[in-house]
Amino acid sequence: SPLPHSEIPSIPPSDIEPFLTHSFIAGPDGLSKAA
């Protein structure tokens, strides 16, 4: 049985990992209503 999350990724995770959670593009109003 495969280990959890051991499936083959689409592209090298190290290239995009910081951009999956650590950067993003908000709408023109930005995070004006965020905490």
PDB file of all heavy atoms in Angstrom:
ATOM      1  N   SER A   1       0.837  -1.189   0.000  1.00  0.00           N
ATOM      2  CA  SER A   1       0.000   0.000   0.000  1.00  0.00           C
ATOM      3  C   SER A   1       0.872   1.239   0.000  1.00  0.00           C
ATOM      4  O   SER A   1       1.832   1.325   0.774  1.00  0.00           O
ATOM      5  CB  SER A   1      -0.902   0.019   1.245  1.00  0.00           C
ATOM      6  OG  SER A   1      -1.751  -1.100   1.230  1.00  0.00           O
ATOM      7  N   PRO A   2       0.548   2.218  -0.860  1.00  0.00           N
ATOM      8  CA  PRO A   2       1.377   3.427  -0.903  1.00  0.00           C
ATOM      9  C   PRO A   2       1.248   4.222   0.386  1.00  0.00           C
ATOM     10  O   PRO A   2       0.202   4.233   1.023  1.00  0.00           O
ATOM     11  CB  PRO A   2       0.781   4.195  -2.090  1.00  0.00           C
ATOM     12  CG  PRO A   2      -0.621   3.693  -2.219  1.00  0.00           C
ATOM     13  CD  PRO A   2      -0.565   2.248  -1.812  1.00  0.00           C
ATOM     14  N   LEU A   3       2.323   4.841   0.770  1.00  0.00           N
ATOM     15  CA  LEU A   3       2.284   5.701   1.938  1.00  0.00           C
ATOM     16  C   LEU A   3       1.444   6.933   1.624  1.00  0.00           C
ATOM     17  O   LEU A   3       1.357   7.358   0.481  1.00  0.00           O
ATOM     18  CB  LEU A   3       3.702   6.131   2.313  1.00  0.00           C
ATOM     19  CG  LEU A   3       4.630   5.015   2.799  1.00  0.00           C
ATOM     20  CD1 LEU A   3       6.041   5.584   2.959  1.00  0.00           C
ATOM     21  CD2 LEU A   3       4.128   4.430   4.106  1.00  0.00           C
ATOM     22  N   PRO A   4       0.799   7.539   2.608  1.00  0.00           N
ATOM     23  CA  PRO A   4       0.029   8.750   2.357  1.00  0.00           C
ATOM     24  C   PRO A   4       0.888   9.830   1.712  1.00  0.00           C
ATOM     25  O   PRO A   4       2.014  10.070   2.125  1.00  0.00           O
ATOM     26  CB  PRO A   4      -0.429   9.167   3.773  1.00  0.00           C
ATOM     27  CG  PRO A   4      -0.369   7.898   4.574  1.00  0.00           C
ATOM     28  CD  PRO A   4       0.764   7.107   4.005  1.00  0.00           C
ATOM     29  N   HIS A   5       0.344  10.458   0.680  1.00  0.00           N
ATOM     30  CA  HIS A   5       0.987  11.594   0.002  1.00  0.00           C
ATOM     31  C   HIS A   5       2.296  11.199  -0.689  1.00  0.00           C
ATOM     32  O   HIS A   5       3.174  12.035  -0.864  1.00  0.00           O
ATOM     33  CB  HIS A   5       1.239  12.748   0.974  1.00  0.00           C
ATOM     34  CG  HIS A   5       0.061  13.067   1.837  1.00  0.00           C
ATOM     35  ND1 HIS A   5      -1.164  13.418   1.317  1.00  0.00           N
ATOM     36  CD2 HIS A   5      -0.094  13.063   3.180  1.00  0.00           C
ATOM     37  CE1 HIS A   5      -2.020  13.632   2.311  1.00  0.00           C
ATOM     38  NE2 HIS A   5      -1.406  13.413   3.442  1.00  0.00           N
ATOM     39  N   SER A   6       2.430   9.911  -1.054  1.00  0.00           N
ATOM     40  CA  SER A   6       3.652   9.499  -1.734  1.00  0.00           C
ATOM     41  C   SER A   6       3.470   9.428  -3.247  1.00  0.00           C
ATOM     42  O   SER A   6       4.366   8.988  -3.949  1.00  0.00           O
ATOM     43  CB  SER A   6       4.109   8.133  -1.210  1.00  0.00           C
ATOM     44  OG  SER A   6       3.159   7.126  -1.520  1.00  0.00           O
ATOM     45  N   GLU A   7       2.292   9.834  -3.731  1.00  0.00           N
ATOM     46  CA  GLU A   7       2.058   9.771  -5.163  1.00  0.00           C
ATOM     47  C   GLU A   7       2.980  10.730  -5.912  1.00  0.00           C
ATOM     48  O   GLU A   7       3.489  11.701  -5.344  1.00  0.00           O
ATOM     49  CB  GLU A   7       0.590  10.076  -5.498  1.00  0.00           C
ATOM     50  CG  GLU A   7       0.116  11.464  -5.108  1.00  0.00           C
ATOM     51  CD  GLU A   7      -0.422  11.530  -3.706  1.00  0.00           C
ATOM     52  OE1 GLU A   7      -0.404  10.503  -3.017  1.00  0.00           O
ATOM     53  OE2 GLU A   7      -0.851  12.616  -3.298  1.00  0.00           O
ATOM     54  N   ILE A   8       3.184  10.437  -7.175  1.00  0.00           N
ATOM     55  CA  ILE A   8       4.096  11.242  -7.984  1.00  0.00           C
ATOM     56  C   ILE A   8       3.478  12.616  -8.239  1.00  0.00           C
ATOM     57  O   ILE A   8       2.344  12.715  -8.702  1.00  0.00           O
ATOM     58  CB  ILE A   8       4.364  10.530  -9.322  1.00  0.00           C
ATOM     59  CG1 ILE A   8       5.069   9.196  -9.082  1.00  0.00           C
ATOM     60  CG2 ILE A   8       5.197  11.405 -10.249  1.00  0.00           C
ATOM     61  CD1 ILE A   8       6.386   9.307  -8.361  1.00  0.00           C
ATOM     62  N   PRO A   9       4.194  13.714  -7.944  1.00  0.00           N
ATOM     63  CA  PRO A   9       3.641  15.062  -8.182  1.00  0.00           C
ATOM     64  C   PRO A   9       3.709  15.428  -9.653  1.00  0.00           C
ATOM     65  O   PRO A   9       4.390  14.783 -10.451  1.00  0.00           O
ATOM     66  CB  PRO A   9       4.562  15.958  -7.353  1.00  0.00           C
ATOM     67  CG  PRO A   9       5.874  15.239  -7.372  1.00  0.00           C
ATOM     68  CD  PRO A   9       5.534  13.761  -7.344  1.00  0.00           C
ATOM     69  N   SER A  10       2.991  16.486 -10.010  1.00  0.00           N
ATOM     70  CA  SER A  10       2.962  16.938 -11.407  1.00  0.00           C
ATOM     71  C   SER A  10       4.291  17.558 -11.815  1.00  0.00           C
ATOM     72  O   SER A  10       4.826  17.258 -12.876  1.00  0.00           O
ATOM     73  CB  SER A  10       1.837  17.955 -11.592  1.00  0.00           C
ATOM     74  OG  SER A  10       0.615  17.431 -11.181  1.00  0.00           O
ATOM     75  N   ILE A  11       4.781  18.462 -11.006  1.00  0.00           N
ATOM     76  CA  ILE A  11       6.038  19.154 -11.252  1.00  0.00           C
ATOM     77  C   ILE A  11       6.798  19.206  -9.936  1.00  0.00           C
ATOM     78  O   ILE A  11       6.215  18.956  -8.883  1.00  0.00           O
ATOM     79  CB  ILE A  11       5.803  20.579 -11.820  1.00  0.00           C
ATOM     80  CG1 ILE A  11       4.757  21.324 -10.984  1.00  0.00           C
ATOM     81  CG2 ILE A  11       5.390  20.533 -13.275  1.00  0.00           C
ATOM     82  CD1 ILE A  11       4.461  22.720 -11.478  1.00  0.00           C
ATOM     83  N   PRO A  12       8.100  19.515  -9.947  1.00  0.00           N
ATOM     84  CA  PRO A  12       8.870  19.500  -8.692  1.00  0.00           C
ATOM     85  C   PRO A  12       8.240  20.377  -7.613  1.00  0.00           C
ATOM     86  O   PRO A  12       8.110  21.593  -7.789  1.00  0.00           O
ATOM     87  CB  PRO A  12      10.235  20.047  -9.123  1.00  0.00           C
ATOM     88  CG  PRO A  12      10.339  19.711 -10.571  1.00  0.00           C
ATOM     89  CD  PRO A  12       8.938  19.835 -11.110  1.00  0.00           C
ATOM     90  N   PRO A  13       7.821  19.801  -6.487  1.00  0.00           N
ATOM     91  CA  PRO A  13       7.162  20.591  -5.439  1.00  0.00           C
ATOM     92  C   PRO A  13       8.025  21.727  -4.917  1.00  0.00           C
ATOM     93  O   PRO A  13       7.510  22.783  -4.541  1.00  0.00           O
ATOM     94  CB  PRO A  13       6.889  19.556  -4.336  1.00  0.00           C
ATOM     95  CG  PRO A  13       6.956  18.227  -5.016  1.00  0.00           C
ATOM     96  CD  PRO A  13       7.946  18.389  -6.129  1.00  0.00           C
ATOM     97  N   SER A  14       9.345  21.520  -4.882  1.00  0.00           N
ATOM     98  CA  SER A  14      10.227  22.551  -4.332  1.00  0.00           C
ATOM     99  C   SER A  14      10.175  23.836  -5.142  1.00  0.00           C
ATOM    100  O   SER A  14      10.460  24.916  -4.620  1.00  0.00           O
ATOM    101  CB  SER A  14      11.666  22.038  -4.285  1.00  0.00           C
ATOM    102  OG  SER A  14      12.111  21.665  -5.584  1.00  0.00           O
ATOM    103  N   ASP A  15       9.803  23.728  -6.420  1.00  0.00           N
ATOM    104  CA  ASP A  15       9.750  24.924  -7.277  1.00  0.00           C
ATOM    105  C   ASP A  15       8.552  25.805  -6.976  1.00  0.00           C
ATOM    106  O   ASP A  15       8.581  27.008  -7.226  1.00  0.00           O
ATOM    107  CB  ASP A  15       9.712  24.519  -8.755  1.00  0.00           C
ATOM    108  CG  ASP A  15      11.035  23.923  -9.227  1.00  0.00           C
ATOM    109  OD1 ASP A  15      12.049  24.150  -8.550  1.00  0.00           O
ATOM    110  OD2 ASP A  15      11.044  23.233 -10.260  1.00  0.00           O
ATOM    111  N   ILE A  16       7.479  25.205  -6.482  1.00  0.00           N
ATOM    112  CA  ILE A  16       6.235  25.964  -6.342  1.00  0.00           C
ATOM    113  C   ILE A  16       5.699  26.010  -4.923  1.00  0.00           C
ATOM    114  O   ILE A  16       4.779  26.775  -4.638  1.00  0.00           O
ATOM    115  CB  ILE A  16       5.137  25.390  -7.259  1.00  0.00           C
ATOM    116  CG1 ILE A  16       4.802  23.950  -6.853  1.00  0.00           C
ATOM    117  CG2 ILE A  16       5.558  25.454  -8.719  1.00  0.00           C
ATOM    118  CD1 ILE A  16       3.591  23.381  -7.575  1.00  0.00           C
ATOM    119  N   GLU A  17       6.269  25.220  -4.021  1.00  0.00           N
ATOM    120  CA  GLU A  17       5.716  25.103  -2.673  1.00  0.00           C
ATOM    121  C   GLU A  17       5.502  26.446  -1.985  1.00  0.00           C
ATOM    122  O   GLU A  17       4.434  26.681  -1.407  1.00  0.00           O
ATOM    123  CB  GLU A  17       6.615  24.198  -1.827  1.00  0.00           C
ATOM    124  CG  GLU A  17       5.924  23.679  -0.591  1.00  0.00           C
ATOM    125  CD  GLU A  17       6.719  22.546   0.055  1.00  0.00           C
ATOM    126  OE1 GLU A  17       7.937  22.448  -0.177  1.00  0.00           O
ATOM    127  OE2 GLU A  17       6.098  21.780   0.794  1.00  0.00           O
ATOM    128  N   PRO A  18       6.472  27.365  -2.021  1.00  0.00           N
ATOM    129  CA  PRO A  18       6.239  28.647  -1.349  1.00  0.00           C
ATOM    130  C   PRO A  18       5.062  29.427  -1.927  1.00  0.00           C
ATOM    131  O   PRO A  18       4.480  30.265  -1.241  1.00  0.00           O
ATOM    132  CB  PRO A  18       7.559  29.402  -1.577  1.00  0.00           C
ATOM    133  CG  PRO A  18       8.558  28.341  -1.848  1.00  0.00           C
ATOM    134  CD  PRO A  18       7.820  27.277  -2.588  1.00  0.00           C
ATOM    135  N   PHE A  19       4.707  29.152  -3.178  1.00  0.00           N
ATOM    136  CA  PHE A  19       3.643  29.919  -3.831  1.00  0.00           C
ATOM    137  C   PHE A  19       2.276  29.271  -3.652  1.00  0.00           C
ATOM    138  O   PHE A  19       1.275  29.834  -4.077  1.00  0.00           O
ATOM    139  CB  PHE A  19       3.950  30.071  -5.327  1.00  0.00           C
ATOM    140  CG  PHE A  19       5.210  30.841  -5.588  1.00  0.00           C
ATOM    141  CD1 PHE A  19       6.428  30.196  -5.654  1.00  0.00           C
ATOM    142  CD2 PHE A  19       5.179  32.220  -5.738  1.00  0.00           C
ATOM    143  CE1 PHE A  19       7.603  30.903  -5.876  1.00  0.00           C
ATOM    144  CE2 PHE A  19       6.343  32.931  -5.955  1.00  0.00           C
ATOM    145  CZ  PHE A  19       7.552  32.271  -6.023  1.00  0.00           C
ATOM    146  N   LEU A  20       2.236  28.089  -3.033  1.00  0.00           N
ATOM    147  CA  LEU A  20       0.955  27.437  -2.802  1.00  0.00           C
ATOM    148  C   LEU A  20       0.263  28.006  -1.576  1.00  0.00           C
ATOM    149  O   LEU A  20      -0.957  28.045  -1.494  1.00  0.00           O
ATOM    150  CB  LEU A  20       1.156  25.930  -2.637  1.00  0.00           C
ATOM    151  CG  LEU A  20       1.679  25.206  -3.884  1.00  0.00           C
ATOM    152  CD1 LEU A  20       1.949  23.751  -3.563  1.00  0.00           C
ATOM    153  CD2 LEU A  20       0.694  25.330  -5.031  1.00  0.00           C
ATOM    154  N   THR A  21       1.017  28.457  -0.601  1.00  0.00           N
ATOM    155  CA  THR A  21       0.421  29.014   0.616  1.00  0.00           C
ATOM    156  C   THR A  21       1.039  30.351   1.024  1.00  0.00           C
ATOM    157  O   THR A  21       0.417  31.122   1.741  1.00  0.00           O
ATOM    158  CB  THR A  21       0.586  28.032   1.793  1.00  0.00           C
ATOM    159  OG1 THR A  21       1.979  27.741   1.960  1.00  0.00           O
ATOM    160  CG2 THR A  21      -0.174  26.740   1.541  1.00  0.00           C
ATOM    161  N   HIS A  22       2.243  30.649   0.578  1.00  0.00           N
ATOM    162  CA  HIS A  22       2.968  31.804   1.098  1.00  0.00           C
ATOM    163  C   HIS A  22       2.910  33.041   0.217  1.00  0.00           C
ATOM    164  O   HIS A  22       3.509  34.046   0.548  1.00  0.00           O
ATOM    165  CB  HIS A  22       4.435  31.427   1.350  1.00  0.00           C
ATOM    166  CG  HIS A  22       4.586  30.477   2.497  1.00  0.00           C
ATOM    167  ND1 HIS A  22       5.801  29.957   2.874  1.00  0.00           N
ATOM    168  CD2 HIS A  22       3.678  29.952   3.351  1.00  0.00           C
ATOM    169  CE1 HIS A  22       5.623  29.149   3.911  1.00  0.00           C
ATOM    170  NE2 HIS A  22       4.352  29.137   4.215  1.00  0.00           N
ATOM    171  N   SER A  23       2.249  32.952  -0.905  1.00  0.00           N
ATOM    172  CA  SER A  23       2.040  34.130  -1.751  1.00  0.00           C
ATOM    173  C   SER A  23       0.699  33.956  -2.439  1.00  0.00           C
ATOM    174  O   SER A  23       0.287  32.836  -2.743  1.00  0.00           O
ATOM    175  CB  SER A  23       3.139  34.261  -2.810  1.00  0.00           C
ATOM    176  OG  SER A  23       4.380  34.540  -2.229  1.00  0.00           O
ATOM    177  N   PHE A  24       0.020  35.036  -2.666  1.00  0.00           N
ATOM    178  CA  PHE A  24      -1.239  34.946  -3.397  1.00  0.00           C
ATOM    179  C   PHE A  24      -1.603  36.317  -3.946  1.00  0.00           C
ATOM    180  O   PHE A  24      -1.030  37.348  -3.557  1.00  0.00           O
ATOM    181  CB  PHE A  24      -2.363  34.407  -2.510  1.00  0.00           C
ATOM    182  CG  PHE A  24      -2.801  35.343  -1.414  1.00  0.00           C
ATOM    183  CD1 PHE A  24      -3.873  36.194  -1.590  1.00  0.00           C
ATOM    184  CD2 PHE A  24      -2.135  35.357  -0.200  1.00  0.00           C
ATOM    185  CE1 PHE A  24      -4.267  37.059  -0.578  1.00  0.00           C
ATOM    186  CE2 PHE A  24      -2.513  36.207   0.818  1.00  0.00           C
ATOM    187  CZ  PHE A  24      -3.592  37.068   0.625  1.00  0.00           C
ATOM    188  N   ILE A  25      -2.542  36.321  -4.870  1.00  0.00           N
ATOM    189  CA  ILE A  25      -3.006  37.562  -5.495  1.00  0.00           C
ATOM    190  C   ILE A  25      -4.457  37.773  -5.092  1.00  0.00           C
ATOM    191  O   ILE A  25      -5.346  36.992  -5.460  1.00  0.00           O
ATOM    192  CB  ILE A  25      -2.878  37.491  -7.029  1.00  0.00           C
ATOM    193  CG1 ILE A  25      -1.405  37.279  -7.413  1.00  0.00           C
ATOM    194  CG2 ILE A  25      -3.415  38.766  -7.673  1.00  0.00           C
ATOM    195  CD1 ILE A  25      -1.185  37.013  -8.878  1.00  0.00           C
ATOM    196  N   ALA A  26      -4.704  38.796  -4.300  1.00  0.00           N
ATOM    197  CA  ALA A  26      -6.060  39.153  -3.904  1.00  0.00           C
ATOM    198  C   ALA A  26      -6.667  40.052  -4.968  1.00  0.00           C
ATOM    199  O   ALA A  26      -5.975  40.538  -5.870  1.00  0.00           O
ATOM    200  CB  ALA A  26      -6.044  39.854  -2.553  1.00  0.00           C
ATOM    201  N   GLY A  27      -7.968  40.264  -4.890  1.00  0.00           N
ATOM    202  CA  GLY A  27      -8.648  41.137  -5.846  1.00  0.00           C
ATOM    203  C   GLY A  27      -8.209  42.585  -5.682  1.00  0.00           C
ATOM    204  O   GLY A  27      -7.385  42.920  -4.818  1.00  0.00           O
ATOM    205  N   PRO A  28      -8.746  43.474  -6.512  1.00  0.00           N
ATOM    206  CA  PRO A  28      -8.347  44.896  -6.438  1.00  0.00           C
ATOM    207  C   PRO A  28      -8.512  45.516  -5.062  1.00  0.00           C
ATOM    208  O   PRO A  28      -7.786  46.444  -4.709  1.00  0.00           O
ATOM    209  CB  PRO A  28      -9.267  45.555  -7.472  1.00  0.00           C
ATOM    210  CG  PRO A  28      -9.584  44.470  -8.453  1.00  0.00           C
ATOM    211  CD  PRO A  28      -9.681  43.219  -7.628  1.00  0.00           C
ATOM    212  N   ASP A  29      -9.456  45.003  -4.252  1.00  0.00           N
ATOM    213  CA  ASP A  29      -9.666  45.548  -2.904  1.00  0.00           C
ATOM    214  C   ASP A  29      -8.683  44.976  -1.888  1.00  0.00           C
ATOM    215  O   ASP A  29      -8.642  45.426  -0.737  1.00  0.00           O
ATOM    216  CB  ASP A  29     -11.097  45.259  -2.435  1.00  0.00           C
ATOM    217  CG  ASP A  29     -12.130  46.012  -3.261  1.00  0.00           C
ATOM    218  OD1 ASP A  29     -11.779  47.083  -3.811  1.00  0.00           O
ATOM    219  OD2 ASP A  29     -13.273  45.534  -3.372  1.00  0.00           O
ATOM    220  N   GLY A  30      -7.880  43.988  -2.313  1.00  0.00           N
ATOM    221  CA  GLY A  30      -6.878  43.414  -1.425  1.00  0.00           C
ATOM    222  C   GLY A  30      -7.495  42.741  -0.215  1.00  0.00           C
ATOM    223  O   GLY A  30      -8.565  42.138  -0.280  1.00  0.00           O
ATOM    224  N   LEU A  31      -6.814  42.848   0.918  1.00  0.00           N
ATOM    225  CA  LEU A  31      -7.282  42.248   2.174  1.00  0.00           C
ATOM    226  C   LEU A  31      -7.835  43.325   3.103  1.00  0.00           C
ATOM    227  O   LEU A  31      -7.602  43.302   4.316  1.00  0.00           O
ATOM    228  CB  LEU A  31      -6.128  41.507   2.856  1.00  0.00           C
ATOM    229  CG  LEU A  31      -5.562  40.305   2.115  1.00  0.00           C
ATOM    230  CD1 LEU A  31      -4.409  39.679   2.910  1.00  0.00           C
ATOM    231  CD2 LEU A  31      -6.647  39.264   1.853  1.00  0.00           C
ATOM    232  N   SER A  32      -8.582  44.238   2.544  1.00  0.00           N
ATOM    233  CA  SER A  32      -9.093  45.362   3.335  1.00  0.00           C
ATOM    234  C   SER A  32     -10.034  44.907   4.450  1.00  0.00           C
ATOM    235  O   SER A  32     -10.195  45.593   5.461  1.00  0.00           O
ATOM    236  CB  SER A  32      -9.819  46.363   2.431  1.00  0.00           C
ATOM    237  OG  SER A  32     -10.885  45.723   1.733  1.00  0.00           O
ATOM    238  N   LYS A  33     -10.652  43.731   4.286  1.00  0.00           N
ATOM    239  CA  LYS A  33     -11.595  43.244   5.296  1.00  0.00           C
ATOM    240  C   LYS A  33     -11.017  42.097   6.118  1.00  0.00           C
ATOM    241  O   LYS A  33     -11.727  41.462   6.891  1.00  0.00           O
ATOM    242  CB  LYS A  33     -12.896  42.805   4.618  1.00  0.00           C
ATOM    243  CG  LYS A  33     -13.617  43.943   3.904  1.00  0.00           C
ATOM    244  CD  LYS A  33     -14.898  43.458   3.259  1.00  0.00           C
ATOM    245  CE  LYS A  33     -15.614  44.599   2.552  1.00  0.00           C
ATOM    246  NZ  LYS A  33     -16.862  44.136   1.891  1.00  0.00           N
ATOM    247  N   ALA A  34      -9.727  41.824   5.946  1.00  0.00           N
ATOM    248  CA  ALA A  34      -9.109  40.706   6.665  1.00  0.00           C
ATOM    249  C   ALA A  34      -8.746  41.114   8.096  1.00  0.00           C
ATOM    250  O   ALA A  34      -8.753  42.295   8.454  1.00  0.00           O
ATOM    251  CB  ALA A  34      -7.855  40.253   5.918  1.00  0.00           C
ATOM    252  N   ALA A  35      -8.439  40.101   8.920  1.00  0.00           N
ATOM    253  CA  ALA A  35      -7.973  40.370  10.280  1.00  0.00           C
ATOM    254  C   ALA A  35      -6.685  41.195  10.227  1.00  0.00           C
ATOM    255  O   ALA A  35      -5.903  41.095   9.276  1.00  0.00           O
ATOM    256  CB  ALA A  35      -7.732  39.055  11.011  1.00  0.00           C
TER     257      ALA A  35
END
